């Protein structure tokens, strides 16, 4: 078993989705560093395996989000946060940083301006928290992770990028449903 942290990310410029600021998959067998940082959008995380605790700075206090396998976490934009004691535990974690208010945010999404406005408003109302996932969201996260793990992306990768854009939107929309209608 390797002690190495594997962090899979993609070239976002070629993806053509300005709303997506970062996306990746972290797989580690040991605790790794995750110091204080902020994101330019919401950070949606999904724990496939492991146990994660995010410390989030809220004015003069700290809040914690606790994620275990099968749980989503949402951190708001521009809020300092880190792994507990600046570390994240071993496991596998999918993350998407997205900002629905970015210029041209709707590009590559197939959403009308009204739909994008509604999408943004709903995420703002959730702002921060955790939610257990339903089977549909779990499958959406698995599909996105599988696409990110593909080792050989064809030279003409337009079909792969199309699949990736659909998978990203599927994760965001099914995750939204989990936060709005939590399952036990």
N, C-alpha and C. Protein backbone atom coordinates (compact mmCIF):
# COMPACT_ATOMS: atom_id res chain seq x y z
N UNK A 1 0.84 -1.18 0.00
CA UNK A 1 0.00 0.00 0.00
C UNK A 1 0.88 1.25 0.00
N UNK A 2 0.61 2.15 -0.87
CA UNK A 2 1.40 3.37 -1.00
C UNK A 2 0.98 4.40 0.04
N UNK A 3 1.96 5.16 0.53
CA UNK A 3 1.66 6.25 1.44
C UNK A 3 1.50 7.57 0.70
N UNK A 4 1.61 7.52 -0.59
CA UNK A 4 1.56 8.70 -1.44
C UNK A 4 0.13 9.24 -1.55
N UNK A 5 0.01 10.55 -1.59
CA UNK A 5 -1.28 11.20 -1.83
C UNK A 5 -1.43 11.37 -3.34
N UNK A 6 -2.53 10.89 -3.87
CA UNK A 6 -2.81 11.04 -5.29
C UNK A 6 -3.87 12.14 -5.43
N UNK A 7 -3.58 13.14 -6.22
CA UNK A 7 -4.50 14.24 -6.43
C UNK A 7 -4.73 14.38 -7.93
N UNK A 8 -5.91 14.03 -8.39
CA UNK A 8 -6.23 14.08 -9.82
C UNK A 8 -6.99 15.38 -10.09
N UNK A 9 -6.49 16.19 -10.99
CA UNK A 9 -7.17 17.41 -11.41
C UNK A 9 -7.17 17.45 -12.94
N UNK A 10 -7.91 18.39 -13.51
CA UNK A 10 -7.98 18.49 -14.97
C UNK A 10 -7.72 19.92 -15.41
N UNK A 11 -7.48 20.09 -16.71
CA UNK A 11 -7.30 21.40 -17.31
C UNK A 11 -8.68 22.05 -17.49
N UNK A 12 -8.98 23.03 -16.68
CA UNK A 12 -10.31 23.64 -16.70
C UNK A 12 -10.54 24.54 -17.91
N UNK A 13 -9.49 25.14 -18.46
CA UNK A 13 -9.69 26.02 -19.61
C UNK A 13 -10.29 25.27 -20.79
N UNK A 14 -9.81 24.06 -21.02
CA UNK A 14 -10.32 23.29 -22.15
C UNK A 14 -11.72 22.73 -21.87
N UNK A 15 -12.13 22.70 -20.61
CA UNK A 15 -13.44 22.16 -20.25
C UNK A 15 -14.56 23.07 -20.72
N UNK A 16 -14.34 24.38 -20.70
CA UNK A 16 -15.35 25.32 -21.19
C UNK A 16 -16.52 25.52 -20.23
N UNK A 17 -16.26 25.47 -18.93
CA UNK A 17 -17.29 25.71 -17.92
C UNK A 17 -16.76 26.77 -16.94
N UNK A 18 -16.91 28.06 -17.26
CA UNK A 18 -16.34 29.10 -16.40
C UNK A 18 -16.81 29.04 -14.94
N UNK A 19 -17.97 28.45 -14.69
CA UNK A 19 -18.47 28.37 -13.33
C UNK A 19 -17.60 27.45 -12.46
N UNK A 20 -16.96 26.46 -13.07
CA UNK A 20 -16.14 25.50 -12.32
C UNK A 20 -14.74 26.09 -12.12
N UNK A 21 -14.37 26.29 -10.87
CA UNK A 21 -13.08 26.91 -10.53
C UNK A 21 -12.01 25.87 -10.24
N UNK A 22 -12.41 24.75 -9.62
CA UNK A 22 -11.50 23.65 -9.32
C UNK A 22 -12.32 22.38 -9.28
N UNK A 23 -11.69 21.30 -9.63
CA UNK A 23 -12.33 19.99 -9.50
C UNK A 23 -11.22 18.97 -9.35
N UNK A 24 -11.46 17.98 -8.52
CA UNK A 24 -10.43 16.97 -8.36
C UNK A 24 -10.85 15.83 -7.47
N UNK A 25 -9.96 14.88 -7.38
CA UNK A 25 -10.17 13.68 -6.59
C UNK A 25 -8.89 13.45 -5.80
N UNK A 26 -9.01 13.34 -4.49
CA UNK A 26 -7.86 13.09 -3.63
C UNK A 26 -7.99 11.68 -3.07
N UNK A 27 -6.91 10.93 -3.17
CA UNK A 27 -6.86 9.59 -2.60
C UNK A 27 -5.56 9.47 -1.82
N UNK A 28 -5.67 9.19 -0.53
CA UNK A 28 -4.47 9.11 0.29
C UNK A 28 -4.62 8.02 1.34
N UNK A 29 -3.50 7.37 1.63
CA UNK A 29 -3.47 6.34 2.67
C UNK A 29 -2.94 6.89 3.99
N UNK A 30 -2.50 8.13 4.00
CA UNK A 30 -2.01 8.76 5.22
C UNK A 30 -2.62 10.15 5.33
N UNK A 31 -2.58 10.70 6.53
CA UNK A 31 -3.04 12.09 6.72
C UNK A 31 -2.13 13.01 5.92
N UNK A 32 -2.73 14.03 5.29
CA UNK A 32 -1.95 14.99 4.51
C UNK A 32 -2.34 16.41 4.89
N UNK A 33 -1.48 17.34 4.58
CA UNK A 33 -1.68 18.73 4.96
C UNK A 33 -2.80 19.39 4.16
N UNK A 34 -3.63 20.15 4.85
CA UNK A 34 -4.62 21.02 4.22
C UNK A 34 -4.76 22.26 5.11
N UNK A 35 -3.87 23.26 4.90
CA UNK A 35 -3.86 24.45 5.76
C UNK A 35 -5.01 25.41 5.42
N UNK A 36 -5.10 26.48 6.19
CA UNK A 36 -6.12 27.50 5.96
C UNK A 36 -6.06 27.98 4.52
N UNK A 37 -7.23 28.09 3.90
CA UNK A 37 -7.33 28.61 2.54
C UNK A 37 -8.76 29.08 2.31
N UNK A 38 -8.96 29.80 1.22
CA UNK A 38 -10.30 30.21 0.79
C UNK A 38 -10.47 29.77 -0.65
N UNK A 39 -11.71 29.71 -1.08
CA UNK A 39 -12.02 29.38 -2.47
C UNK A 39 -12.85 30.50 -3.08
N UNK A 40 -12.74 30.65 -4.37
CA UNK A 40 -13.48 31.71 -5.07
C UNK A 40 -14.91 31.29 -5.40
N UNK A 41 -15.35 30.21 -4.82
CA UNK A 41 -16.71 29.74 -5.02
C UNK A 41 -17.07 28.76 -3.91
N UNK A 42 -18.26 28.19 -4.02
CA UNK A 42 -18.67 27.15 -3.08
C UNK A 42 -17.76 25.95 -3.28
N UNK A 43 -17.42 25.27 -2.20
CA UNK A 43 -16.67 24.03 -2.32
C UNK A 43 -17.58 22.89 -1.88
N UNK A 44 -17.91 22.03 -2.84
CA UNK A 44 -18.71 20.85 -2.57
C UNK A 44 -17.74 19.68 -2.47
N UNK A 45 -17.81 18.94 -1.38
CA UNK A 45 -16.94 17.79 -1.19
C UNK A 45 -17.81 16.55 -0.95
N UNK A 46 -17.33 15.42 -1.45
CA UNK A 46 -18.02 14.16 -1.22
C UNK A 46 -16.99 13.15 -0.76
N UNK A 47 -17.22 12.59 0.41
CA UNK A 47 -16.32 11.58 0.98
C UNK A 47 -16.75 10.20 0.51
N UNK A 48 -15.93 9.57 -0.34
CA UNK A 48 -16.19 8.18 -0.72
C UNK A 48 -15.84 7.28 0.46
N UNK A 49 -14.65 7.51 1.00
CA UNK A 49 -14.18 6.76 2.16
C UNK A 49 -13.44 7.72 3.07
N UNK A 50 -13.28 7.34 4.31
CA UNK A 50 -12.54 8.15 5.26
C UNK A 50 -13.46 9.02 6.10
N UNK A 51 -12.83 9.81 6.95
CA UNK A 51 -13.53 10.72 7.84
C UNK A 51 -12.81 12.06 7.78
N UNK A 52 -13.54 13.10 7.47
CA UNK A 52 -12.96 14.42 7.28
C UNK A 52 -13.65 15.42 8.19
N UNK A 53 -12.85 16.31 8.75
CA UNK A 53 -13.40 17.39 9.56
C UNK A 53 -12.83 18.69 9.00
N UNK A 54 -13.73 19.58 8.58
CA UNK A 54 -13.31 20.90 8.10
C UNK A 54 -13.52 21.89 9.24
N UNK A 55 -12.53 22.69 9.52
CA UNK A 55 -12.66 23.81 10.45
C UNK A 55 -12.92 25.04 9.62
N UNK A 56 -13.98 25.75 9.96
CA UNK A 56 -14.40 26.91 9.18
C UNK A 56 -14.44 28.13 10.08
N UNK A 57 -13.74 29.18 9.65
CA UNK A 57 -13.69 30.41 10.43
C UNK A 57 -14.97 31.22 10.18
N UNK A 58 -15.70 31.47 11.24
CA UNK A 58 -16.93 32.26 11.16
C UNK A 58 -16.81 33.43 12.14
N UNK A 59 -16.49 34.57 11.61
CA UNK A 59 -16.27 35.78 12.41
C UNK A 59 -15.23 35.49 13.49
N UNK A 60 -15.62 35.45 14.76
CA UNK A 60 -14.63 35.23 15.82
C UNK A 60 -14.69 33.82 16.38
N UNK A 61 -15.40 32.92 15.72
CA UNK A 61 -15.48 31.54 16.20
C UNK A 61 -15.18 30.58 15.05
N UNK A 62 -15.17 29.30 15.38
CA UNK A 62 -14.93 28.27 14.39
C UNK A 62 -16.10 27.30 14.40
N UNK A 63 -16.47 26.86 13.22
CA UNK A 63 -17.47 25.81 13.09
C UNK A 63 -16.78 24.62 12.46
N UNK A 64 -17.36 23.45 12.64
CA UNK A 64 -16.79 22.24 12.06
C UNK A 64 -17.84 21.53 11.23
N UNK A 65 -17.39 21.03 10.09
CA UNK A 65 -18.21 20.14 9.27
C UNK A 65 -17.57 18.76 9.36
N UNK A 66 -18.37 17.76 9.62
CA UNK A 66 -17.87 16.40 9.79
C UNK A 66 -18.40 15.54 8.64
N UNK A 67 -17.50 15.02 7.83
CA UNK A 67 -17.88 14.17 6.70
C UNK A 67 -17.31 12.78 6.91
N UNK A 68 -18.14 11.79 6.69
CA UNK A 68 -17.68 10.40 6.64
C UNK A 68 -18.10 9.85 5.29
N UNK A 69 -17.72 8.63 5.00
CA UNK A 69 -18.08 8.04 3.72
C UNK A 69 -19.57 8.16 3.44
N UNK A 70 -19.91 8.70 2.26
CA UNK A 70 -21.31 8.85 1.87
C UNK A 70 -21.94 10.17 2.27
N UNK A 71 -21.14 11.14 2.67
CA UNK A 71 -21.68 12.44 3.09
C UNK A 71 -21.09 13.56 2.24
N UNK A 72 -21.95 14.53 1.89
CA UNK A 72 -21.54 15.73 1.17
C UNK A 72 -21.25 16.85 2.16
N UNK A 73 -20.31 17.71 1.82
CA UNK A 73 -20.04 18.91 2.61
C UNK A 73 -20.07 20.12 1.70
N UNK A 74 -20.53 21.25 2.22
CA UNK A 74 -20.56 22.49 1.45
C UNK A 74 -19.94 23.60 2.27
N UNK A 75 -18.95 24.27 1.69
CA UNK A 75 -18.28 25.40 2.31
C UNK A 75 -18.54 26.62 1.44
N UNK A 76 -18.94 27.76 2.04
CA UNK A 76 -19.25 28.94 1.24
C UNK A 76 -18.01 29.61 0.63
N UNK A 77 -18.23 30.45 -0.37
CA UNK A 77 -17.11 31.16 -1.00
C UNK A 77 -16.41 32.11 -0.03
N UNK A 78 -15.12 32.28 -0.23
CA UNK A 78 -14.30 33.28 0.45
C UNK A 78 -14.31 33.19 1.97
N UNK A 79 -14.56 32.00 2.51
CA UNK A 79 -14.53 31.78 3.95
C UNK A 79 -13.30 30.92 4.26
N UNK A 80 -12.42 31.39 5.15
CA UNK A 80 -11.25 30.58 5.48
C UNK A 80 -11.66 29.25 6.11
N UNK A 81 -11.03 28.17 5.64
CA UNK A 81 -11.28 26.84 6.19
C UNK A 81 -10.05 25.98 5.97
N UNK A 82 -10.02 24.87 6.72
CA UNK A 82 -8.88 23.95 6.63
C UNK A 82 -9.32 22.58 7.10
N UNK A 83 -8.44 21.60 6.91
CA UNK A 83 -8.65 20.31 7.53
C UNK A 83 -8.41 20.46 9.03
N UNK A 84 -8.98 19.58 9.82
CA UNK A 84 -8.81 19.65 11.27
C UNK A 84 -7.33 19.65 11.63
N UNK A 85 -6.89 20.66 12.39
CA UNK A 85 -5.47 20.84 12.73
C UNK A 85 -4.59 20.89 11.48
N UNK A 86 -5.13 21.43 10.39
CA UNK A 86 -4.43 21.58 9.10
C UNK A 86 -4.11 20.26 8.43
N UNK A 87 -4.87 19.21 8.75
CA UNK A 87 -4.66 17.91 8.13
C UNK A 87 -5.99 17.35 7.63
N UNK A 88 -5.89 16.50 6.61
CA UNK A 88 -7.05 15.70 6.24
C UNK A 88 -6.66 14.24 6.40
N UNK A 89 -7.63 13.47 6.83
CA UNK A 89 -7.40 12.05 7.13
C UNK A 89 -7.26 11.24 5.84
N UNK A 90 -6.79 10.01 5.97
CA UNK A 90 -6.72 9.12 4.80
C UNK A 90 -8.12 8.86 4.26
N UNK A 91 -8.21 8.64 2.96
CA UNK A 91 -9.48 8.32 2.34
C UNK A 91 -9.53 8.81 0.91
N UNK A 92 -10.73 8.82 0.35
CA UNK A 92 -10.93 9.30 -1.01
C UNK A 92 -12.01 10.37 -1.00
N UNK A 93 -11.70 11.51 -1.59
CA UNK A 93 -12.56 12.68 -1.52
C UNK A 93 -12.65 13.35 -2.89
N UNK A 94 -13.87 13.58 -3.34
CA UNK A 94 -14.13 14.32 -4.57
C UNK A 94 -14.44 15.76 -4.18
N UNK A 95 -13.92 16.72 -4.91
CA UNK A 95 -14.25 18.13 -4.62
C UNK A 95 -14.50 18.90 -5.90
N UNK A 96 -15.44 19.84 -5.79
CA UNK A 96 -15.77 20.75 -6.90
C UNK A 96 -15.91 22.13 -6.29
N UNK A 97 -15.15 23.09 -6.79
CA UNK A 97 -15.31 24.48 -6.40
C UNK A 97 -16.01 25.16 -7.57
N UNK A 98 -17.16 25.76 -7.29
CA UNK A 98 -17.95 26.37 -8.35
C UNK A 98 -18.51 27.71 -7.91
N UNK A 99 -18.62 28.62 -8.87
CA UNK A 99 -19.16 29.95 -8.59
C UNK A 99 -20.20 30.29 -9.66
N UNK A 100 -21.49 30.14 -9.30
CA UNK A 100 -22.54 30.40 -10.29
C UNK A 100 -22.71 31.88 -10.64
N UNK A 101 -21.94 32.76 -9.99
CA UNK A 101 -22.03 34.19 -10.30
C UNK A 101 -20.84 34.69 -11.10
N UNK A 102 -20.00 33.78 -11.55
CA UNK A 102 -18.87 34.13 -12.41
C UNK A 102 -19.39 34.64 -13.75
N UNK A 103 -18.65 35.56 -14.36
CA UNK A 103 -19.01 35.99 -15.71
C UNK A 103 -19.10 34.76 -16.61
N UNK A 104 -20.11 34.73 -17.45
CA UNK A 104 -20.33 33.61 -18.37
C UNK A 104 -20.53 32.27 -17.64
N UNK A 105 -21.02 32.31 -16.40
CA UNK A 105 -21.19 31.09 -15.60
C UNK A 105 -22.07 30.06 -16.31
N UNK A 106 -23.04 30.51 -17.09
CA UNK A 106 -23.94 29.58 -17.76
C UNK A 106 -23.34 28.90 -18.98
N UNK A 107 -22.20 29.39 -19.44
CA UNK A 107 -21.58 28.81 -20.63
C UNK A 107 -21.24 27.35 -20.39
N UNK A 108 -21.63 26.51 -21.33
CA UNK A 108 -21.33 25.09 -21.24
C UNK A 108 -22.26 24.31 -20.33
N UNK A 109 -23.28 24.95 -19.77
CA UNK A 109 -24.16 24.28 -18.82
C UNK A 109 -25.53 23.93 -19.39
N UNK A 110 -25.97 24.68 -20.38
CA UNK A 110 -27.31 24.45 -20.91
C UNK A 110 -28.40 25.02 -20.03
N UNK A 111 -28.07 25.97 -19.15
CA UNK A 111 -29.07 26.61 -18.30
C UNK A 111 -29.41 27.99 -18.85
N UNK A 112 -30.69 28.35 -18.78
CA UNK A 112 -31.08 29.71 -19.15
C UNK A 112 -30.61 30.66 -18.05
N UNK A 113 -30.66 31.95 -18.32
CA UNK A 113 -30.25 32.94 -17.32
C UNK A 113 -31.12 32.83 -16.07
N UNK A 114 -32.41 32.62 -16.26
CA UNK A 114 -33.33 32.48 -15.13
C UNK A 114 -33.01 31.23 -14.32
N UNK A 115 -32.72 30.12 -15.00
CA UNK A 115 -32.37 28.87 -14.30
C UNK A 115 -31.07 29.02 -13.53
N UNK A 116 -30.09 29.69 -14.13
CA UNK A 116 -28.81 29.91 -13.47
C UNK A 116 -28.99 30.78 -12.23
N UNK A 117 -29.83 31.80 -12.32
CA UNK A 117 -30.11 32.68 -11.18
C UNK A 117 -30.75 31.87 -10.05
N UNK A 118 -31.69 31.02 -10.38
CA UNK A 118 -32.34 30.17 -9.39
C UNK A 118 -31.34 29.19 -8.77
N UNK A 119 -30.51 28.58 -9.59
CA UNK A 119 -29.46 27.66 -9.15
C UNK A 119 -28.55 28.34 -8.14
N UNK A 120 -28.11 29.55 -8.46
CA UNK A 120 -27.23 30.32 -7.57
C UNK A 120 -27.93 30.66 -6.26
N UNK A 121 -29.16 31.10 -6.35
CA UNK A 121 -29.92 31.49 -5.16
C UNK A 121 -30.11 30.31 -4.20
N UNK A 122 -30.40 29.15 -4.73
CA UNK A 122 -30.59 27.98 -3.87
C UNK A 122 -29.30 27.63 -3.13
N UNK A 123 -28.16 27.64 -3.83
CA UNK A 123 -26.89 27.34 -3.17
C UNK A 123 -26.58 28.39 -2.10
N UNK A 124 -26.87 29.65 -2.37
CA UNK A 124 -26.62 30.71 -1.37
C UNK A 124 -27.46 30.47 -0.11
N UNK A 125 -28.68 29.99 -0.28
CA UNK A 125 -29.54 29.74 0.88
C UNK A 125 -29.04 28.57 1.71
N UNK A 126 -28.39 27.61 1.09
CA UNK A 126 -27.80 26.49 1.83
C UNK A 126 -26.54 26.97 2.53
N UNK A 127 -25.68 27.64 1.80
CA UNK A 127 -24.44 28.27 2.26
C UNK A 127 -23.40 27.31 2.85
N UNK A 128 -23.76 26.53 3.88
CA UNK A 128 -22.76 25.68 4.52
C UNK A 128 -23.48 24.53 5.23
N UNK A 129 -22.84 23.38 5.24
CA UNK A 129 -23.40 22.26 5.97
C UNK A 129 -23.01 20.93 5.36
N UNK A 130 -23.65 19.88 5.87
CA UNK A 130 -23.44 18.53 5.37
C UNK A 130 -24.79 17.91 5.05
N UNK A 131 -24.76 16.89 4.20
CA UNK A 131 -25.98 16.17 3.84
C UNK A 131 -25.61 14.75 3.46
N UNK A 132 -26.39 13.77 3.96
CA UNK A 132 -26.18 12.39 3.49
C UNK A 132 -26.63 12.28 2.04
N UNK A 133 -26.05 11.37 1.30
CA UNK A 133 -26.39 11.25 -0.11
C UNK A 133 -27.39 10.12 -0.35
N UNK A 134 -28.17 10.30 -1.41
CA UNK A 134 -29.06 9.25 -1.86
C UNK A 134 -28.33 8.43 -2.93
N UNK A 135 -28.94 7.35 -3.38
CA UNK A 135 -28.31 6.46 -4.36
C UNK A 135 -27.97 7.19 -5.65
N UNK A 136 -28.83 8.07 -6.11
CA UNK A 136 -28.60 8.80 -7.37
C UNK A 136 -27.36 9.69 -7.27
N UNK A 137 -27.22 10.39 -6.14
CA UNK A 137 -26.06 11.27 -5.96
C UNK A 137 -24.78 10.45 -5.84
N UNK A 138 -24.85 9.35 -5.11
CA UNK A 138 -23.69 8.47 -4.96
C UNK A 138 -23.24 7.98 -6.34
N UNK A 139 -24.17 7.56 -7.17
CA UNK A 139 -23.83 7.11 -8.53
C UNK A 139 -23.27 8.23 -9.37
N UNK A 140 -23.81 9.44 -9.23
CA UNK A 140 -23.29 10.60 -9.97
C UNK A 140 -21.85 10.90 -9.57
N UNK A 141 -21.57 10.83 -8.28
CA UNK A 141 -20.20 11.07 -7.79
C UNK A 141 -19.25 9.98 -8.29
N UNK A 142 -19.70 8.74 -8.29
CA UNK A 142 -18.87 7.62 -8.79
C UNK A 142 -18.55 7.80 -10.27
N UNK A 143 -19.55 8.20 -11.06
CA UNK A 143 -19.32 8.42 -12.49
C UNK A 143 -18.31 9.54 -12.72
N UNK A 144 -18.46 10.65 -12.00
CA UNK A 144 -17.52 11.76 -12.15
C UNK A 144 -16.11 11.32 -11.76
N UNK A 145 -15.98 10.61 -10.65
CA UNK A 145 -14.66 10.13 -10.22
C UNK A 145 -14.06 9.20 -11.27
N UNK A 146 -14.87 8.32 -11.85
CA UNK A 146 -14.37 7.41 -12.88
C UNK A 146 -13.85 8.18 -14.09
N UNK A 147 -14.56 9.23 -14.49
CA UNK A 147 -14.10 10.05 -15.62
C UNK A 147 -12.79 10.75 -15.28
N UNK A 148 -12.66 11.24 -14.05
CA UNK A 148 -11.43 11.90 -13.65
C UNK A 148 -10.25 10.92 -13.60
N UNK A 149 -10.54 9.66 -13.31
CA UNK A 149 -9.49 8.64 -13.20
C UNK A 149 -9.06 8.06 -14.53
N UNK A 150 -9.79 8.35 -15.61
CA UNK A 150 -9.43 7.77 -16.91
C UNK A 150 -8.00 8.16 -17.25
N UNK A 151 -7.16 7.17 -17.43
CA UNK A 151 -5.74 7.43 -17.66
C UNK A 151 -5.44 7.84 -19.09
N UNK A 152 -6.16 7.28 -20.03
CA UNK A 152 -5.89 7.59 -21.42
C UNK A 152 -7.07 8.36 -22.01
N UNK A 153 -6.92 9.66 -22.04
CA UNK A 153 -7.94 10.51 -22.63
C UNK A 153 -7.58 10.65 -24.11
N UNK A 154 -8.55 10.38 -25.00
CA UNK A 154 -8.24 10.44 -26.44
C UNK A 154 -7.72 11.82 -26.85
N UNK A 155 -6.89 11.80 -27.91
CA UNK A 155 -6.34 13.06 -28.41
C UNK A 155 -7.46 14.04 -28.74
N UNK A 156 -8.48 13.58 -29.45
CA UNK A 156 -9.66 14.40 -29.68
C UNK A 156 -10.60 14.08 -28.52
N UNK A 157 -10.47 14.84 -27.45
CA UNK A 157 -11.18 14.51 -26.23
C UNK A 157 -12.51 15.26 -26.09
N UNK A 158 -13.09 15.70 -27.18
CA UNK A 158 -14.33 16.46 -27.09
C UNK A 158 -15.48 15.63 -26.52
N UNK A 159 -15.56 14.36 -26.85
CA UNK A 159 -16.61 13.51 -26.29
C UNK A 159 -16.39 13.30 -24.79
N UNK A 160 -15.13 13.07 -24.38
CA UNK A 160 -14.81 12.92 -22.95
C UNK A 160 -15.17 14.20 -22.19
N UNK A 161 -14.85 15.37 -22.76
CA UNK A 161 -15.18 16.64 -22.10
C UNK A 161 -16.69 16.82 -21.99
N UNK A 162 -17.41 16.42 -23.01
CA UNK A 162 -18.87 16.49 -22.98
C UNK A 162 -19.40 15.63 -21.84
N UNK A 163 -18.91 14.39 -21.74
CA UNK A 163 -19.32 13.50 -20.65
C UNK A 163 -18.98 14.11 -19.29
N UNK A 164 -17.81 14.72 -19.21
CA UNK A 164 -17.36 15.33 -17.95
C UNK A 164 -18.27 16.50 -17.55
N UNK A 165 -18.61 17.36 -18.52
CA UNK A 165 -19.52 18.48 -18.22
C UNK A 165 -20.87 17.98 -17.72
N UNK A 166 -21.41 16.96 -18.36
CA UNK A 166 -22.69 16.39 -17.94
C UNK A 166 -22.56 15.79 -16.53
N UNK A 167 -21.47 15.07 -16.27
CA UNK A 167 -21.26 14.45 -14.97
C UNK A 167 -21.14 15.49 -13.87
N UNK A 168 -20.44 16.59 -14.15
CA UNK A 168 -20.30 17.66 -13.16
C UNK A 168 -21.66 18.25 -12.82
N UNK A 169 -22.44 18.56 -13.86
CA UNK A 169 -23.77 19.12 -13.61
C UNK A 169 -24.67 18.13 -12.88
N UNK A 170 -24.55 16.85 -13.22
CA UNK A 170 -25.35 15.83 -12.53
C UNK A 170 -25.01 15.81 -11.04
N UNK A 171 -23.72 15.88 -10.70
CA UNK A 171 -23.32 15.90 -9.29
C UNK A 171 -23.88 17.15 -8.61
N UNK A 172 -23.73 18.31 -9.24
CA UNK A 172 -24.22 19.54 -8.61
C UNK A 172 -25.72 19.53 -8.41
N UNK A 173 -26.46 19.03 -9.39
CA UNK A 173 -27.92 19.02 -9.28
C UNK A 173 -28.41 17.97 -8.30
N UNK A 174 -27.82 16.78 -8.30
CA UNK A 174 -28.26 15.77 -7.34
C UNK A 174 -27.83 16.15 -5.92
N UNK A 175 -26.66 16.78 -5.78
CA UNK A 175 -26.21 17.24 -4.46
C UNK A 175 -27.17 18.31 -3.93
N UNK A 176 -27.60 19.18 -4.80
CA UNK A 176 -28.55 20.22 -4.43
C UNK A 176 -29.82 19.58 -3.84
N UNK A 177 -30.28 18.53 -4.48
CA UNK A 177 -31.45 17.81 -4.00
C UNK A 177 -31.20 17.21 -2.61
N UNK A 178 -29.98 16.69 -2.37
CA UNK A 178 -29.66 16.11 -1.06
C UNK A 178 -29.71 17.16 0.05
N UNK A 179 -29.21 18.36 -0.25
CA UNK A 179 -29.23 19.43 0.76
C UNK A 179 -30.66 19.94 0.99
N UNK A 180 -31.47 19.99 -0.07
CA UNK A 180 -32.84 20.48 0.06
C UNK A 180 -33.77 19.46 0.71
N UNK A 181 -33.55 18.19 0.42
CA UNK A 181 -34.42 17.12 0.91
C UNK A 181 -33.56 16.03 1.54
N UNK A 182 -33.00 16.27 2.72
CA UNK A 182 -32.11 15.29 3.33
C UNK A 182 -32.77 13.92 3.54
N UNK A 183 -31.96 12.87 3.32
CA UNK A 183 -32.42 11.50 3.57
C UNK A 183 -31.76 11.01 4.84
N UNK A 184 -32.39 10.05 5.49
CA UNK A 184 -31.77 9.49 6.72
C UNK A 184 -31.03 8.23 6.42
